[in-house]
Structures are given as structure tokens and as C-alpha cells.
Amino acid sequence: MAEKVEKAGVKREKGYVYFIDQDGDISRSKTGQKGRKEKINKIGLKREKGYLYFIDSDGDISRSPMKRRT
């Protein structure tokens, strides 16, 4: 089960891929274009080990525990 970490309220547009970049901010890139990214929200999210962070259907940042295979 996922838990909300940060409210961002990102409105998605067709033709873009939305992701959390290395700085912990929300960025987007046109589908199929490499290297060009545009920052949408500056959040500065600090990530914890063992969690997968993603932008949920509400446009907020959520996280879910990762299952490790041993």
C-alpha cells in the first residue's frame, strides 16, 4: 500500500513523462526525447532507502516499500 509523502497537485498533459529527478523535484520530459527535462515543482524531497517514490494519480508524491529478492 502506498502512502502520500508530499502534496504537489501536478496536472498532467498528454505527450509528457513525469518523474522525480535527482534533486527530489518533479520534472517532465516530452515522450521520446532524451536529455531535455523541464522542472515543474521544486520540492527537494529527501528519499529513504527501501522505498519506491512515484507521482500518483492525484499528482502528489507517494511511496511504497520495495520488496527485495534474496
Protein backbone atom coordinates (compact mmCIF):
# COMPACT_ATOMS: atom_id res chain seq x y z
CA MET A 1 0.00 0.00 0.00
CA ALA A 2 1.31 3.44 -0.90
CA GLU A 3 1.49 6.42 1.42
CA LYS A 4 1.42 10.08 0.40
CA VAL A 5 4.66 11.90 1.16
CA GLU A 6 4.15 15.36 -0.32
CA LYS A 7 1.21 17.23 -1.85
CA ALA A 8 2.15 18.65 -5.25
CA GLY A 9 -1.07 18.77 -7.28
CA VAL A 10 0.64 18.27 -10.66
CA LYS A 11 -1.75 18.47 -13.61
CA ARG A 12 -0.59 16.07 -16.31
CA GLU A 13 -0.59 16.86 -20.02
CA LYS A 14 -0.61 14.33 -22.84
CA GLY A 15 2.72 13.65 -24.51
CA TYR A 16 4.86 14.10 -21.38
CA VAL A 17 6.52 11.72 -18.92
CA TYR A 18 6.52 12.97 -15.31
CA PHE A 19 9.16 11.83 -12.81
CA ILE A 20 11.07 12.74 -9.65
CA ASP A 21 14.56 13.89 -10.62
CA GLN A 22 17.87 13.52 -8.74
CA ASP A 23 17.30 16.75 -6.80
CA GLY A 24 13.96 15.44 -5.45
CA ASP A 25 11.94 17.80 -7.65
CA ILE A 26 9.16 16.94 -10.09
CA SER A 27 10.24 17.22 -13.72
CA ARG A 28 8.79 16.31 -17.08
CA SER A 29 10.11 15.41 -20.50
CA LYS A 30 8.43 15.02 -23.86
CA THR A 31 7.83 11.39 -24.71
CA GLY A 32 10.68 10.10 -26.86
CA GLN A 33 13.10 12.98 -26.24
CA LYS A 34 16.26 12.22 -24.32
CA GLY A 35 18.13 14.70 -22.19
CA ARG A 36 15.58 17.53 -22.22
CA LYS A 37 13.79 17.94 -18.94
CA GLU A 38 11.74 20.75 -17.51
CA LYS A 39 11.28 21.28 -13.75
CA ILE A 40 7.62 21.58 -12.77
CA ASN A 41 7.74 21.80 -8.93
CA LYS A 42 10.74 22.38 -6.69
CA ILE A 43 10.20 20.16 -3.66
CA GLY A 44 13.65 18.95 -2.56
CA LEU A 45 12.39 15.53 -1.48
CA LYS A 46 14.77 13.51 0.71
CA ARG A 47 14.45 9.83 -0.15
CA GLU A 48 14.72 6.96 2.31
CA LYS A 49 16.30 3.63 1.38
CA GLY A 50 13.91 0.77 0.72
CA TYR A 51 11.10 2.83 -0.83
CA LEU A 52 9.95 3.43 -4.40
CA TYR A 53 8.86 7.04 -4.94
CA PHE A 54 6.38 7.96 -7.67
CA ILE A 55 3.79 10.54 -8.75
CA ASP A 56 0.34 9.15 -8.02
CA SER A 57 -2.93 9.68 -9.87
CA ASP A 58 -3.71 12.82 -7.83
CA GLY A 59 -0.43 14.42 -8.94
CA ASP A 60 1.14 14.06 -5.47
CA ILE A 61 4.32 12.22 -4.46
CA SER A 62 3.74 8.83 -2.85
CA ARG A 63 6.00 6.00 -1.79
CA SER A 64 5.69 2.26 -1.47
CA PRO A 65 8.05 -0.20 0.23
CA MET A 66 10.20 -2.18 -2.20
CA LYS A 67 10.25 -5.93 -1.93
CA ARG A 68 13.78 -7.30 -2.10
CA ARG A 69 14.60 -10.69 -3.51
CA THR A 70 17.34 -12.56 -1.71
